[in-house]
Amino acid sequence: MKVSSVFKVKSPEIRALHLTWIAFFITFYVWFNMAPLASSMLKSVDWLSPDDLKLFAICNVALTIPARIIVGMALDRFGPRRVFSVLMVTMSVPALAFAFGDTMTQLLVSRLVLSSIGASFVVGIHMTALWFKPRDIGFAEGFYAGWGNFGSAAAAMSLPTIAITMYGGADGWRWAIAQSAIVMAAYGVYYWFAITDGPDAKAHRKPRKAAAMEVSSWADMIKLILWTIPLVGVLGILVWRIQNMGYLSTTGAVIAYLAIVAVVIYQIVQILRVNVPILKQGVPEDDRYPFSSVAALNSTYFANFGAELAVVSMLPMFFEETWGLNPATAGLIAASFAFVNLVARPMGGLVSDRMGNRRFVMLSYMFGIGIGFVLMAMLDASWPLIVAIAITIFTSFFVQGAEGATFGIIPSIKRRITGQISGMAGAYGNVGAVVYLTIFTFVTPTQFFYIIATGAFLSWLICLIWLKEPEGAFDEEYHVSSVDRMIEEQAALKAGQAAR
């Protein structure tokens, strides 16, 4: 697939790509619609404080992690068209509730529920995988993610202007947020009718069970359990942070911790319920896949996307304090880290397609991330500002490219459970952000950059040992196993019986 192909909008798969990245763009625009209007909120609502907004920022990512897991399961069962449409329409409700909230509780709860919209990323990943061939999937996924992620930057650039010029007054921020919610709901309805789950009915292959990811061996089941625990367990860090800020009592924190433990136990039980019967029966050789590859990609997204979310939140202040810049200039320079997304993510996927070895590309990008953050850790006021900016862009290039390379591999691991694999890897990106941002509160920026560099090198080592080059990663079609055909035949039989 050539870069120029994205302009061939009459092509069904290119049209699907554009429809899907726009949906992702809108959801991220709504997800990040609070931060640009924070100062306006403080001015118009006299009972809000800066600490309240910090709490809202924590709530804004709290449910993204479990939501990505749940949405990943829903994808494999219902298909991305339905899930994306329902997600956009449903999430417009808490967005509107936040826009017109007049109590602390209403703002808090609506922001918490709205954080689930962060799961939109994995929906589009799955949809794109249904439309594109294995040989082209890297660039397609990178293009989707790069342009969709730009929604957060677009929100930062446009929402203050919309609030001031279009609406004005003390409540301008409310109408700006409400407008973004209404646009998302409208596009959700449009998306339902504008697209299908792949070019034909056979594109979307359902798993035998959507309650948990299928594995190929007993050892892989143990690995799945061990990698599942942190996904929900990390929410304990968020509870601890909220309690320390004084917004949650000891009793409330204990209840939250018990709920987290209950969810972890429930997930483990579901893994056992799904996989024990399958493993007892035996998994056909042509239906096996290495879960170690999934674990390796979990680690890459923890180390690249997790680092991106964490660094973006601290970079403006780093430039401001280190080089004595004003906030506006520091923010503009720091924005370069996110702007690279538009080019670096698609390029990461494109390189993955062109090199003929997706594993090698993944290893190269992760090593580059480690080198980049080591260089950033060495920066201080003695370095010329222009060199610091160049190193920041260099590092971002590898971070964003690695994200594109990660999802250039995922669709080829096991087609039938692409949604669940995407959901798990995507959730680990948010786990990384929570862990890194928590660590940042205890260390200096220099130490922080060294820590995330260490995370990248550890991920590189995990990939070196565990990541396997997917079979058929550059084929015309995805591998169809004997189990895939059996599931398809059973579905056709049920459909025939229902029609009688």
Protein backbone atom coordinates (compact mmCIF):
# COMPACT_ATOMS: atom_id res chain seq x y z
CA MET A 1 0.00 0.00 0.00
CA LYS A 2 1.37 3.40 -1.01
CA VAL A 3 0.96 6.63 0.93
CA SER A 4 -0.90 8.11 -2.04
CA SER A 5 -3.54 5.40 -1.66
CA VAL A 6 -5.20 7.35 1.17
CA PHE A 7 -6.51 9.81 -1.44
CA LYS A 8 -8.38 7.08 -3.36
CA VAL A 9 -11.61 7.71 -1.46
CA LYS A 10 -13.71 5.75 -3.96
CA SER A 11 -11.94 2.57 -2.84
CA PRO A 12 -14.15 0.80 -0.24
CA GLU A 13 -11.31 0.09 2.19
CA ILE A 14 -9.94 3.64 1.98
CA ARG A 15 -13.41 5.04 2.56
CA ALA A 16 -13.75 2.75 5.59
CA LEU A 17 -10.36 3.96 6.86
CA HIS A 18 -11.40 7.61 6.64
CA LEU A 19 -14.80 7.00 8.21
CA THR A 20 -13.11 5.19 11.10
CA TRP A 21 -10.29 7.61 11.86
CA ILE A 22 -12.81 10.44 11.88
CA ALA A 23 -14.87 8.53 14.45
CA PHE A 24 -11.75 8.01 16.55
CA PHE A 25 -10.79 11.69 16.14
CA ILE A 26 -14.20 12.81 17.41
CA THR A 27 -14.12 10.50 20.45
CA PHE A 28 -10.67 11.74 21.46
CA TYR A 29 -11.81 15.33 20.89
CA VAL A 30 -14.62 14.75 23.38
CA TRP A 31 -12.42 12.76 25.77
CA PHE A 32 -9.95 15.64 26.09
CA ASN A 33 -12.47 18.49 25.98
CA MET A 34 -12.01 19.50 29.63
CA ALA A 35 -8.34 20.52 29.93
CA PRO A 36 -8.42 23.37 27.36
CA LEU A 37 -11.41 24.90 29.17
CA ALA A 38 -10.14 24.42 32.72
CA SER A 39 -9.44 28.11 33.34
CA SER A 40 -12.89 29.05 32.00
CA MET A 41 -14.49 26.52 34.33
CA LEU A 42 -12.70 27.98 37.37
CA LYS A 43 -13.80 31.50 36.47
CA SER A 44 -17.47 30.68 35.93
CA VAL A 45 -18.02 28.12 38.72
CA ASP A 46 -17.03 29.68 42.04
CA TRP A 47 -17.24 26.43 44.00
CA LEU A 48 -14.64 24.67 41.83
CA SER A 49 -10.94 24.67 42.79
CA PRO A 50 -7.74 23.67 40.93
CA ASP A 51 -7.61 20.53 43.12
CA ASP A 52 -11.08 19.60 41.89
CA LEU A 53 -9.84 19.76 38.31
CA LYS A 54 -6.87 17.55 39.22
CA LEU A 55 -9.36 15.02 40.56
CA PHE A 56 -11.39 15.25 37.33
CA ALA A 57 -8.16 14.61 35.38
CA ILE A 58 -7.63 11.39 37.34
CA CYS A 59 -11.25 10.36 36.78
CA ASN A 60 -10.80 11.08 33.07
CA VAL A 61 -8.57 8.01 32.71
CA ALA A 62 -9.88 5.82 35.54
CA LEU A 63 -12.33 3.60 33.62
CA THR A 64 -10.44 3.59 30.32
CA ILE A 65 -8.46 0.53 31.35
CA PRO A 66 -11.39 -1.81 32.21
CA ALA A 67 -13.44 -0.29 29.38
CA ARG A 68 -10.82 -1.31 26.81
CA ILE A 69 -10.96 -4.89 28.07
CA ILE A 70 -14.76 -5.02 28.01
CA VAL A 71 -14.98 -3.32 24.62
CA GLY A 72 -12.38 -5.76 23.27
CA MET A 73 -14.68 -8.64 24.21
CA ALA A 74 -17.72 -6.88 22.75
CA LEU A 75 -15.86 -6.32 19.48
CA ASP A 76 -15.27 -9.99 18.88
CA ARG A 77 -18.91 -10.77 19.61
CA PHE A 78 -20.83 -7.88 18.01
CA GLY A 79 -18.38 -6.37 15.51
CA PRO A 80 -16.80 -2.89 15.46
CA ARG A 81 -19.60 -1.11 13.54
CA ARG A 82 -22.17 -1.69 16.28
CA VAL A 83 -19.72 -1.17 19.13
CA PHE A 84 -18.31 2.11 17.76
CA SER A 85 -21.76 3.53 17.02
CA VAL A 86 -23.20 2.56 20.41
CA LEU A 87 -20.09 3.85 22.20
CA MET A 88 -20.31 7.28 20.53
CA VAL A 89 -24.03 7.71 21.16
CA THR A 90 -23.89 6.37 24.73
CA MET A 91 -20.86 8.43 25.78
CA SER A 92 -22.51 11.64 24.57
CA VAL A 93 -24.82 11.35 27.61
CA PRO A 94 -22.11 11.76 30.32
CA ALA A 95 -20.43 14.40 28.13
CA LEU A 96 -23.65 16.44 28.14
CA ALA A 97 -24.11 15.77 31.88
CA PHE A 98 -20.64 17.18 32.50
CA ALA A 99 -21.31 20.20 30.29
CA PHE A 100 -24.35 21.23 32.31
CA GLY A 101 -23.39 19.80 35.70
CA ASP A 102 -24.13 22.11 38.60
CA THR A 103 -22.91 19.99 41.51
CA MET A 104 -19.54 18.46 42.36
CA THR A 105 -21.04 14.97 42.37
CA GLN A 106 -22.56 15.39 38.90
CA LEU A 107 -19.29 16.63 37.42
CA LEU A 108 -17.29 13.90 39.14
CA VAL A 109 -19.53 10.97 38.19
CA SER A 110 -20.08 12.15 34.61
CA ARG A 111 -16.32 12.58 34.07
CA LEU A 112 -15.68 9.14 35.54
CA VAL A 113 -18.22 7.48 33.22
CA LEU A 114 -16.97 9.49 30.24
CA SER A 115 -13.46 8.07 30.74
CA SER A 116 -14.78 4.85 29.15
CA ILE A 117 -14.66 6.64 25.80
CA GLY A 118 -10.92 6.04 25.75
CA ALA A 119 -11.78 2.49 24.65
CA SER A 120 -12.69 3.88 21.20
CA PHE A 121 -9.10 3.37 20.06
CA VAL A 122 -9.30 -0.44 20.04
CA VAL A 123 -12.62 -0.39 18.15
CA GLY A 124 -11.10 1.32 15.14
CA ILE A 125 -8.03 -0.90 15.30
CA HIS A 126 -10.30 -3.92 14.88
CA MET A 127 -12.38 -2.30 12.14
CA THR A 128 -9.27 -1.38 10.16
CA ALA A 129 -7.95 -4.94 10.52
CA LEU A 130 -11.18 -6.26 8.98
CA TRP A 131 -10.83 -4.05 5.89
CA PHE A 132 -7.12 -4.36 5.06
CA LYS A 133 -4.92 -7.26 3.97
CA PRO A 134 -2.07 -8.46 6.22
CA ARG A 135 0.54 -6.92 3.91
CA ASP A 136 -1.01 -3.42 4.24
CA ILE A 137 -2.22 -3.48 7.82
CA GLY A 138 0.75 -1.66 9.37
CA PHE A 139 0.32 1.58 7.43
CA ALA A 140 -3.49 1.46 7.64
CA GLU A 141 -3.44 1.04 11.45
CA GLY A 142 -0.75 3.71 11.83
CA PHE A 143 -2.68 6.20 9.70
CA TYR A 144 -5.88 5.51 11.64
CA ALA A 145 -4.17 5.94 15.02
CA GLY A 146 -2.04 8.95 14.08
CA TRP A 147 -4.87 11.06 12.68
CA GLY A 148 -7.37 9.87 15.27
CA ASN A 149 -5.04 10.71 18.15
CA PHE A 150 -4.79 14.22 16.76
CA GLY A 151 -8.32 14.78 18.11
CA SER A 152 -6.87 15.62 21.53
CA ALA A 153 -4.60 18.29 20.01
CA ALA A 154 -7.49 19.65 17.94
CA ALA A 155 -9.57 19.99 21.12
CA ALA A 156 -6.80 21.98 22.79
CA MET A 157 -6.49 24.31 19.80
CA SER A 158 -10.16 24.89 18.98
CA LEU A 159 -12.37 24.55 22.07
CA PRO A 160 -11.27 27.80 23.81
CA THR A 161 -11.94 29.71 20.59
CA ILE A 162 -15.35 28.06 20.16
CA ALA A 163 -16.27 28.84 23.78
CA ILE A 164 -15.27 32.51 23.46
CA THR A 165 -16.23 33.45 19.90
CA MET A 166 -19.22 31.21 19.15
CA TYR A 167 -20.93 31.31 22.55
CA GLY A 168 -19.15 33.73 24.87
CA GLY A 169 -20.21 34.55 28.39
CA ALA A 170 -19.50 32.65 31.59
CA ASP A 171 -21.17 29.49 30.26
CA GLY A 172 -19.39 29.42 26.90
CA TRP A 173 -17.31 26.43 28.03
CA ARG A 174 -20.51 24.47 28.76
CA TRP A 175 -21.89 24.98 25.26
CA ALA A 176 -18.52 24.18 23.65
CA ILE A 177 -18.39 20.83 25.47
CA ALA A 178 -22.07 20.16 24.72
CA GLN A 179 -21.49 20.87 21.03
CA SER A 180 -18.70 18.29 20.87
CA ALA A 181 -20.99 15.73 22.53
CA ILE A 182 -23.83 16.35 20.08
CA VAL A 183 -21.50 16.06 17.08
CA MET A 184 -20.21 12.73 18.44
CA ALA A 185 -23.72 11.34 18.92
CA ALA A 186 -24.73 12.41 15.40
CA TYR A 187 -21.64 10.80 13.89
CA GLY A 188 -22.33 7.64 15.87
CA VAL A 189 -25.72 7.32 14.19
CA TYR A 190 -24.18 8.08 10.78
CA TYR A 191 -21.39 5.51 11.30
CA TRP A 192 -23.96 2.76 11.95
CA PHE A 193 -25.37 3.18 8.43
CA ALA A 194 -22.21 4.28 6.60
CA ILE A 195 -19.97 1.24 7.07
CA THR A 196 -19.93 -2.55 7.39
CA ASP A 197 -17.68 -4.91 9.35
CA GLY A 198 -15.27 -5.56 6.52
CA PRO A 199 -15.79 -6.01 2.78
CA ASP A 200 -17.94 -9.14 3.22
CA ALA A 201 -19.84 -11.10 5.85
CA LYS A 202 -16.91 -13.50 6.42
CA ALA A 203 -14.48 -10.74 7.41
CA HIS A 204 -15.66 -10.62 11.02
CA ARG A 205 -14.91 -13.98 12.64
CA LYS A 206 -16.40 -14.54 16.08
CA PRO A 207 -14.55 -16.40 18.86
CA ARG A 208 -16.09 -19.42 20.55
CA LYS A 209 -16.40 -17.43 23.78
CA ALA A 210 -16.15 -13.66 24.18
CA ALA A 211 -15.97 -13.68 27.99
CA ALA A 212 -12.19 -14.18 27.98
CA MET A 213 -9.33 -14.60 25.55
CA GLU A 214 -8.77 -18.10 24.18
CA VAL A 215 -5.27 -19.55 24.61
CA SER A 216 -3.45 -22.53 23.13
CA SER A 217 -1.81 -24.22 26.12
CA TRP A 218 -2.00 -24.56 29.90
CA ALA A 219 1.18 -22.51 30.26
CA ASP A 220 -0.37 -19.75 28.14
CA MET A 221 -3.44 -19.75 30.39
CA ILE A 222 -1.22 -19.09 33.42
CA LYS A 223 0.48 -16.26 31.51
CA LEU A 224 -2.90 -14.78 30.57
CA ILE A 225 -3.97 -14.77 34.23
CA LEU A 226 -0.71 -13.13 35.33
CA TRP A 227 -0.97 -10.42 32.65
CA THR A 228 -4.67 -9.82 33.42
CA ILE A 229 -4.22 -9.02 37.13
CA PRO A 230 -2.36 -5.67 36.61
CA LEU A 231 -5.03 -4.40 34.20
CA VAL A 232 -7.55 -3.97 36.99
CA GLY A 233 -5.11 -4.04 39.89
CA VAL A 234 -3.53 -0.78 38.70
CA LEU A 235 -6.80 0.98 39.55
CA GLY A 236 -5.68 0.59 43.15
CA ILE A 237 -3.08 3.28 42.45
CA LEU A 238 -5.82 5.65 41.32
CA VAL A 239 -7.86 4.91 44.46
CA TRP A 240 -4.77 5.61 46.58
CA ARG A 241 -4.15 8.92 44.79
CA ILE A 242 -7.79 10.04 45.19
CA GLN A 243 -7.76 9.08 48.87
CA ASN A 244 -4.52 11.01 49.45
CA MET A 245 -6.09 14.08 47.83
CA GLY A 246 -8.79 13.93 50.50
CA TYR A 247 -11.69 13.12 48.16
CA LEU A 248 -12.21 9.56 49.41
CA SER A 249 -12.62 8.33 52.99
CA THR A 250 -10.81 5.31 54.37
CA THR A 251 -14.07 3.35 54.25
CA GLY A 252 -14.66 4.38 50.64
CA ALA A 253 -11.12 3.38 49.70
CA VAL A 254 -11.51 -0.04 51.34
CA ILE A 255 -14.75 -0.60 49.42
CA ALA A 256 -13.00 0.41 46.18
CA TYR A 257 -10.09 -1.94 46.87
CA LEU A 258 -12.48 -4.82 47.59
CA ALA A 259 -14.33 -4.08 44.34
CA ILE A 260 -11.03 -4.20 42.42
CA VAL A 261 -10.17 -7.56 44.02
CA ALA A 262 -13.63 -8.89 43.16
CA VAL A 263 -13.26 -7.86 39.51
CA VAL A 264 -9.82 -9.50 39.29
CA ILE A 265 -11.21 -12.74 40.75
CA TYR A 266 -14.15 -12.59 38.32
CA GLN A 267 -11.80 -12.19 35.36
CA ILE A 268 -9.68 -15.13 36.48
CA VAL A 269 -12.80 -17.28 36.83
CA GLN A 270 -13.88 -16.31 33.30
CA ILE A 271 -10.46 -17.20 31.91
CA LEU A 272 -10.74 -20.62 33.54
CA ARG A 273 -14.34 -21.16 32.37
CA VAL A 274 -13.46 -20.34 28.77
CA ASN A 275 -10.13 -22.11 28.47
CA VAL A 276 -10.24 -25.23 30.65
CA PRO A 277 -12.82 -27.02 28.41
CA ILE A 278 -10.94 -25.94 25.27
CA LEU A 279 -7.58 -27.12 26.58
CA LYS A 280 -9.02 -30.43 27.85
CA GLN A 281 -10.42 -31.08 24.39
CA GLY A 282 -7.12 -30.08 22.78
CA VAL A 283 -6.32 -27.17 20.47
CA PRO A 284 -5.69 -28.16 16.83
CA GLU A 285 -2.18 -27.34 15.65
CA ASP A 286 -3.42 -24.94 12.96
CA ASP A 287 -5.39 -22.95 15.56
CA ARG A 288 -2.53 -22.38 18.01
CA TYR A 289 -0.87 -19.03 18.61
CA PRO A 290 1.90 -17.92 21.03
CA PHE A 291 0.47 -15.87 23.92
CA SER A 292 4.04 -14.76 24.63
CA SER A 293 3.75 -12.50 21.59
CA VAL A 294 0.65 -10.88 23.11
CA ALA A 295 2.54 -10.37 26.38
CA ALA A 296 5.48 -8.82 24.51
CA LEU A 297 3.17 -6.36 22.73
CA ASN A 298 1.49 -5.53 26.05
CA SER A 299 4.93 -4.50 27.28
CA THR A 300 5.62 -2.38 24.18
CA TYR A 301 2.40 -0.41 24.54
CA PHE A 302 3.06 0.04 28.25
CA ALA A 303 6.49 1.44 27.38
CA ASN A 304 5.58 3.56 24.33
CA PHE A 305 1.98 4.81 24.67
CA GLY A 306 2.22 4.85 28.47
CA ALA A 307 5.37 6.97 28.18
CA GLU A 308 3.70 9.27 25.65
CA LEU A 309 0.73 10.05 27.91
CA ALA A 310 3.02 10.63 30.87
CA VAL A 311 5.59 12.76 29.03
CA VAL A 312 2.97 14.96 27.34
CA SER A 313 1.62 15.89 30.77
CA MET A 314 5.00 16.97 32.20
CA LEU A 315 6.90 18.27 29.16
CA PRO A 316 5.56 21.87 29.12
CA MET A 317 6.66 22.48 32.70
CA PHE A 318 10.03 20.79 32.01
CA PHE A 319 10.81 23.22 29.18
CA GLU A 320 9.43 26.18 31.11
CA GLU A 321 11.54 25.55 34.22
CA THR A 322 14.71 24.31 32.51
CA TRP A 323 15.10 27.08 29.92
CA GLY A 324 13.11 29.85 31.63
CA LEU A 325 10.47 30.01 28.89
CA ASN A 326 7.02 31.53 29.24
CA PRO A 327 4.13 29.04 29.50
CA ALA A 328 2.87 29.69 25.96
CA THR A 329 6.26 29.06 24.34
CA ALA A 330 6.96 26.02 26.51
CA GLY A 331 3.53 24.59 25.65
CA LEU A 332 4.08 25.13 21.93
CA ILE A 333 7.47 23.39 22.03
CA ALA A 334 6.10 20.52 24.10
CA ALA A 335 3.24 20.12 21.59
CA SER A 336 5.82 18.98 19.04
CA PHE A 337 5.89 15.65 20.89
CA ALA A 338 2.21 15.06 20.06
CA PHE A 339 2.24 16.63 16.58
CA VAL A 340 4.79 14.06 15.40
CA ASN A 341 1.89 11.57 15.71
CA LEU A 342 0.52 12.63 12.33
CA VAL A 343 3.61 11.37 10.51
CA ALA A 344 5.45 9.00 12.82
CA ARG A 345 2.59 6.57 13.56
CA PRO A 346 1.69 5.95 9.92
CA MET A 347 5.40 5.74 9.11
CA GLY A 348 5.91 3.16 11.86
CA GLY A 349 3.19 1.02 10.31
CA LEU A 350 4.52 1.62 6.79
CA VAL A 351 8.06 0.59 7.76
CA SER A 352 6.56 -2.52 9.38
CA ASP A 353 4.86 -3.32 6.05
CA ARG A 354 7.88 -2.60 3.85
CA MET A 355 10.73 -4.19 5.85
CA GLY A 356 9.33 -7.70 5.54
CA ASN A 357 10.07 -8.44 9.21
CA ARG A 358 7.65 -6.92 11.72
CA ARG A 359 9.56 -8.27 14.72
CA PHE A 360 12.80 -6.56 13.66
CA VAL A 361 10.98 -3.24 13.18
CA MET A 362 9.39 -3.53 16.64
CA LEU A 363 12.77 -4.23 18.25
CA SER A 364 14.40 -1.31 16.42
CA TYR A 365 11.74 1.17 17.49
CA MET A 366 11.79 0.07 21.15
CA PHE A 367 15.58 0.37 21.28
CA GLY A 368 15.30 3.82 19.69
CA ILE A 369 12.84 4.89 22.41
CA GLY A 370 15.32 3.88 25.09
CA ILE A 371 18.13 5.86 23.44
CA GLY A 372 15.85 8.88 22.98
CA PHE A 373 14.80 9.08 26.62
CA VAL A 374 18.39 8.60 27.81
CA LEU A 375 19.30 11.66 25.72
CA MET A 376 16.34 13.59 27.17
CA ALA A 377 17.52 12.68 30.67
CA MET A 378 20.85 14.34 29.89
CA LEU A 379 19.21 17.67 28.93
CA ASP A 380 19.70 20.70 31.16
CA ALA A 381 19.96 24.47 30.79
CA SER A 382 23.50 24.16 29.36
CA TRP A 383 22.14 22.50 26.23
CA PRO A 384 21.04 24.81 23.37
CA LEU A 385 17.24 24.94 23.24
CA ILE A 386 17.19 24.00 19.54
CA VAL A 387 19.14 20.80 20.32
CA ALA A 388 16.70 19.96 23.12
CA ILE A 389 13.77 20.39 20.71
CA ALA A 390 15.51 18.18 18.12
CA ILE A 391 16.09 15.44 20.71
CA THR A 392 12.45 15.68 21.83
CA ILE A 393 11.21 15.25 18.25
CA PHE A 394 13.71 12.41 17.67
CA THR A 395 12.40 10.59 20.75
CA SER A 396 8.78 11.21 19.81
CA PHE A 397 9.43 9.82 16.33
CA PHE A 398 10.43 6.48 17.85
CA VAL A 399 7.66 6.51 20.48
CA GLN A 400 4.88 7.12 17.95
CA GLY A 401 6.46 4.80 15.37
CA ALA A 402 6.62 2.01 17.93
CA GLU A 403 2.91 2.47 18.62
CA GLY A 404 2.20 2.06 14.92
CA ALA A 405 4.47 -1.00 14.73
CA THR A 406 2.70 -2.60 17.73
CA PHE A 407 -0.68 -2.53 16.01
CA GLY A 408 0.93 -3.55 12.74
CA ILE A 409 1.55 -6.93 14.38
CA ILE A 410 -1.56 -7.48 16.50
CA PRO A 411 -4.08 -8.32 13.70
CA SER A 412 -1.80 -11.12 12.44
CA ILE A 413 -1.40 -12.93 15.76
CA LYS A 414 -4.86 -14.52 15.94
CA ARG A 415 -7.52 -13.11 13.66
CA ARG A 416 -10.49 -14.46 15.62
CA ILE A 417 -9.57 -12.64 18.83
CA THR A 418 -8.07 -9.45 17.39
CA GLY A 419 -10.51 -7.34 19.42
CA GLN A 420 -9.47 -8.92 22.72
CA ILE A 421 -5.76 -8.71 21.93
CA SER A 422 -6.14 -5.07 20.87
CA GLY A 423 -8.12 -4.31 24.01
CA MET A 424 -5.51 -5.88 26.27
CA ALA A 425 -2.54 -4.17 24.61
CA GLY A 426 -4.39 -0.85 24.48
CA ALA A 427 -5.26 -1.12 28.17
CA TYR A 428 -1.60 -1.70 29.00
CA GLY A 429 -0.85 1.68 27.45
CA ASN A 430 -3.06 3.28 30.08
CA VAL A 431 -1.53 1.08 32.79
CA GLY A 432 1.84 2.47 31.75
CA ALA A 433 0.54 6.04 31.96
CA VAL A 434 -0.84 5.51 35.48
CA VAL A 435 2.38 3.88 36.69
CA TYR A 436 4.68 6.46 35.09
CA LEU A 437 2.63 9.47 36.24
CA THR A 438 2.58 8.10 39.78
CA ILE A 439 6.36 7.60 39.72
CA PHE A 440 6.80 11.15 38.40
CA THR A 441 5.33 12.58 41.59
CA PHE A 442 8.34 11.19 43.52
CA VAL A 443 11.30 11.89 41.18
CA THR A 444 12.99 14.69 39.23
CA PRO A 445 12.47 15.04 35.45
CA THR A 446 15.98 13.66 34.84
CA GLN A 447 15.29 10.58 36.94
CA PHE A 448 11.89 10.24 35.26
CA PHE A 449 13.39 10.13 31.77
CA TYR A 450 15.90 7.50 32.89
CA ILE A 451 13.07 5.41 34.37
CA ILE A 452 10.98 5.41 31.17
CA ALA A 453 14.15 4.70 29.16
CA THR A 454 14.65 1.64 31.38
CA GLY A 455 11.05 0.62 30.68
CA ALA A 456 11.71 0.80 26.93
CA PHE A 457 14.87 -1.30 27.20
CA LEU A 458 13.07 -3.89 29.34
CA SER A 459 10.31 -4.09 26.73
CA TRP A 460 12.99 -4.49 24.03
CA LEU A 461 14.41 -7.43 25.98
CA ILE A 462 10.96 -9.00 26.43
CA CYS A 463 10.31 -8.68 22.69
CA LEU A 464 13.72 -10.16 21.90
CA ILE A 465 12.88 -13.26 23.96
CA TRP A 466 9.10 -13.63 23.49
CA LEU A 467 7.92 -11.87 20.34
CA LYS A 468 7.52 -14.18 17.35
CA GLU A 469 7.22 -13.05 13.76
CA PRO A 470 3.51 -13.68 12.94
CA GLU A 471 2.90 -16.37 10.33
CA GLY A 472 1.41 -14.96 7.15
CA ALA A 473 2.09 -11.37 8.29
CA PHE A 474 2.52 -10.28 4.65
CA ASP A 475 0.04 -12.59 2.93
CA GLU A 476 -2.89 -11.61 0.77
CA GLU A 477 -5.36 -13.06 3.29
CA TYR A 478 -5.39 -13.84 7.00
CA HIS A 479 -4.91 -17.44 8.13
CA VAL A 480 -8.17 -19.37 8.57
CA SER A 481 -7.90 -22.36 10.92
CA SER A 482 -10.00 -25.50 11.20
CA VAL A 483 -11.68 -23.99 14.30
CA ASP A 484 -12.53 -20.81 12.37
CA ARG A 485 -14.23 -22.91 9.71
CA MET A 486 -16.06 -24.97 12.34
CA ILE A 487 -17.40 -21.81 14.03
CA GLU A 488 -18.47 -20.45 10.65
CA GLU A 489 -20.28 -23.69 9.76
CA GLN A 490 -22.07 -23.75 13.13
CA ALA A 491 -23.17 -20.14 12.70
CA ALA A 492 -24.46 -20.88 9.20
CA LEU A 493 -26.35 -23.92 10.50
CA LYS A 494 -28.00 -21.89 13.28
CA ALA A 495 -28.94 -19.16 10.81
CA GLY A 496 -30.49 -21.76 8.52
CA GLN A 497 -32.50 -23.32 11.35
CA ALA A 498 -33.72 -19.89 12.48
CA ALA A 499 -34.88 -19.06 8.95
CA ARG A 500 -37.07 -22.14 8.75
